[in-house]
Amino acid sequence: MKKMGWKWYIVLWFGLAACTGQTQAQVATPLPPLPTLDLALVQKGKEVYQANCATCHGSEAEGAQNWATPRPDGLYPPAPHDDAGHTWHHSDHVLYETIRDGMDDPLRPGSLLRMPAFGGKLSDIEIRALIEYFKSLWTEEHRRWQLEQTLSDFASTQTPP
């Protein structure tokens, strides 16, 4: 019997490697339909917002003037919560924790608190109402993108069975 040369081993290796690939195109799981906003919760969120957030973030959630430019102390002014800002970039979980726990400047640990914590002042339902109110300020496209972030964040925290 003739011995196989090293070239055949390479061909065999590539052949086996090709067989381990997927035979079907991977299909992305479609997002569920965009949930309808709970108008009663939106209204409650707007009331909570006006009483607790409007002083810094503006009465229409428009944020402080020049919110994207750092102040002389290096901190950024309060951002808007409408489409112009970046609130919609974050999952419900991140928004909830930020409202509840506040937020330090991530670039300056130990600096003055950039946003105060409201966990001791607002109930769970009031925080959830605020998030629902924010969603009412976004376009459908931004709401859909934010839903994807929320579902992805949720999936990443789940333990496999």
Protein backbone atom coordinates (compact mmCIF):
# COMPACT_ATOMS: atom_id res chain seq x y z
CA MET A 1 0.00 0.00 0.00
CA LYS A 2 1.30 3.38 -0.97
CA LYS A 3 1.93 5.91 1.81
CA MET A 4 -0.02 9.15 1.75
CA GLY A 5 2.13 12.21 1.35
CA TRP A 6 1.87 15.24 3.59
CA LYS A 7 -0.05 17.08 0.84
CA TRP A 8 -2.92 14.62 1.23
CA TYR A 9 -3.09 15.32 4.95
CA ILE A 10 -3.47 19.02 4.22
CA VAL A 11 -6.21 18.34 1.66
CA LEU A 12 -7.94 16.01 4.12
CA TRP A 13 -7.68 18.59 6.92
CA PHE A 14 -9.22 21.34 4.76
CA GLY A 15 -11.94 18.97 3.61
CA LEU A 16 -12.88 18.07 7.16
CA ALA A 17 -12.76 21.71 8.21
CA ALA A 18 -15.15 22.60 5.40
CA CYS A 19 -17.58 19.89 6.55
CA THR A 20 -17.83 21.36 10.05
CA GLY A 21 -19.26 24.66 8.77
CA GLN A 22 -22.95 25.40 8.90
CA THR A 23 -24.92 24.02 6.00
CA GLN A 24 -27.74 26.54 6.31
CA ALA A 25 -27.58 30.29 6.55
CA GLN A 26 -28.11 31.45 10.08
CA VAL A 27 -31.41 33.25 10.42
CA ALA A 28 -31.57 36.08 12.92
CA THR A 29 -34.38 35.79 15.42
CA PRO A 30 -36.84 38.53 14.57
CA LEU A 31 -37.66 41.06 17.24
CA PRO A 32 -41.10 40.82 18.75
CA PRO A 33 -43.55 43.54 17.72
CA LEU A 34 -42.81 46.92 19.24
CA PRO A 35 -44.88 47.11 22.43
CA THR A 36 -47.62 49.72 22.51
CA LEU A 37 -46.89 52.46 25.00
CA ASP A 38 -48.99 52.38 28.16
CA LEU A 39 -50.51 55.87 27.99
CA ALA A 40 -51.46 55.92 31.68
CA LEU A 41 -47.86 55.03 32.57
CA VAL A 42 -46.56 57.67 30.13
CA GLN A 43 -48.72 60.32 31.85
CA LYS A 44 -47.54 59.22 35.30
CA GLY A 45 -43.95 59.29 34.03
CA LYS A 46 -44.40 62.81 32.69
CA GLU A 47 -45.67 63.95 36.10
CA VAL A 48 -42.75 62.26 37.88
CA TYR A 49 -40.38 63.81 35.33
CA GLN A 50 -41.73 67.33 35.83
CA ALA A 51 -41.45 66.99 39.62
CA ASN A 52 -37.98 65.42 39.73
CA CYS A 53 -36.05 65.73 36.46
CA ALA A 54 -37.14 68.85 34.57
CA THR A 55 -35.00 71.21 36.65
CA CYS A 56 -31.84 69.68 35.20
CA HIS A 57 -32.97 67.97 31.99
CA GLY A 58 -35.43 70.65 30.79
CA SER A 59 -39.22 70.85 30.94
CA GLU A 60 -39.53 69.12 27.55
CA ALA A 61 -36.66 66.65 28.20
CA GLU A 62 -34.50 68.70 25.84
CA GLY A 63 -31.45 68.67 28.12
CA ALA A 64 -29.23 71.54 29.14
CA GLN A 65 -27.90 73.95 26.56
CA ASN A 66 -24.64 72.66 25.04
CA TRP A 67 -25.18 69.31 26.76
CA ALA A 68 -22.59 67.58 24.56
CA THR A 69 -19.81 70.01 25.52
CA PRO A 70 -18.02 69.59 28.86
CA ARG A 71 -18.21 72.47 31.33
CA PRO A 72 -15.02 74.07 32.73
CA ASP A 73 -15.06 71.51 35.57
CA GLY A 74 -14.91 68.72 32.97
CA LEU A 75 -18.40 67.39 33.64
CA TYR A 76 -21.08 67.32 30.98
CA PRO A 77 -24.38 69.17 31.46
CA PRO A 78 -27.54 67.05 31.74
CA ALA A 79 -28.35 65.32 28.45
CA PRO A 80 -31.74 65.32 26.74
CA HIS A 81 -34.03 62.32 27.00
CA ASP A 82 -35.67 62.86 23.62
CA ASP A 83 -34.31 61.64 20.28
CA ALA A 84 -31.52 64.22 20.33
CA GLY A 85 -29.87 62.57 23.33
CA HIS A 86 -28.56 59.10 24.00
CA THR A 87 -31.08 57.78 26.52
CA TRP A 88 -32.53 55.49 23.86
CA HIS A 89 -29.10 53.86 23.43
CA HIS A 90 -29.52 52.12 26.80
CA SER A 91 -31.55 49.11 27.87
CA ASP A 92 -34.44 49.41 30.31
CA HIS A 93 -32.21 47.76 32.92
CA VAL A 94 -29.44 50.36 32.52
CA LEU A 95 -31.93 53.24 32.58
CA TYR A 96 -33.61 51.84 35.69
CA GLU A 97 -30.30 51.45 37.53
CA THR A 98 -29.12 54.91 36.49
CA ILE A 99 -32.28 56.55 37.81
CA ARG A 100 -32.30 54.45 40.98
CA ASP A 101 -28.57 54.57 41.80
CA GLY A 102 -27.41 57.79 40.14
CA MET A 103 -24.28 57.97 38.05
CA ASP A 104 -20.72 59.05 38.67
CA ASP A 105 -18.65 60.48 35.87
CA PRO A 106 -17.12 57.33 34.35
CA LEU A 107 -14.07 59.31 33.22
CA ARG A 108 -13.46 60.79 36.67
CA PRO A 109 -14.08 58.18 39.39
CA GLY A 110 -14.59 59.75 42.78
CA SER A 111 -15.67 63.08 41.30
CA LEU A 112 -18.88 64.81 42.27
CA LEU A 113 -21.93 62.75 41.46
CA ARG A 114 -22.98 63.60 37.95
CA MET A 115 -26.58 62.50 38.45
CA PRO A 116 -28.11 61.98 41.88
CA ALA A 117 -29.74 58.71 42.89
CA PHE A 118 -33.53 58.70 43.07
CA GLY A 119 -33.95 55.20 44.51
CA GLY A 120 -34.74 56.56 47.95
CA LYS A 121 -37.26 59.03 46.58
CA LEU A 122 -39.03 57.25 43.70
CA SER A 123 -40.87 53.95 43.84
CA ASP A 124 -40.27 51.11 41.42
CA ILE A 125 -43.41 52.00 39.46
CA GLU A 126 -42.40 55.69 39.28
CA ILE A 127 -39.01 54.76 37.82
CA ARG A 128 -40.69 52.44 35.31
CA ALA A 129 -43.14 55.24 34.46
CA LEU A 130 -40.22 57.60 33.78
CA ILE A 131 -38.73 55.09 31.35
CA GLU A 132 -42.11 54.71 29.61
CA TYR A 133 -42.32 58.51 29.35
CA PHE A 134 -38.84 58.65 27.78
CA LYS A 135 -39.92 56.06 25.22
CA SER A 136 -42.87 58.27 24.26
CA LEU A 137 -40.35 60.94 23.21
CA TRP A 138 -38.49 58.69 20.75
CA THR A 139 -39.14 57.78 17.15
CA GLU A 140 -40.37 54.28 16.37
CA GLU A 141 -36.93 53.48 14.94
CA HIS A 142 -35.21 54.51 18.18
CA ARG A 143 -37.77 52.62 20.27
CA ARG A 144 -37.15 49.51 18.21
CA TRP A 145 -33.38 49.88 18.60
CA GLN A 146 -33.78 50.39 22.36
CA LEU A 147 -36.01 47.31 22.57
CA GLU A 148 -33.22 45.32 20.93
CA GLN A 149 -30.79 46.63 23.58
CA THR A 150 -33.22 45.70 26.34
CA LEU A 151 -33.73 42.17 25.01
CA SER A 152 -29.99 41.70 24.48
CA ASP A 153 -29.25 42.95 27.99
CA PHE A 154 -31.91 40.63 29.40
CA ALA A 155 -30.57 37.63 27.46
CA SER A 156 -27.01 38.26 28.65
CA THR A 157 -28.09 38.10 32.30
CA GLN A 158 -29.96 34.82 32.01
CA THR A 159 -28.38 31.59 33.23
CA PRO A 160 -28.68 28.65 30.82
CA PRO A 161 -30.88 25.79 32.10
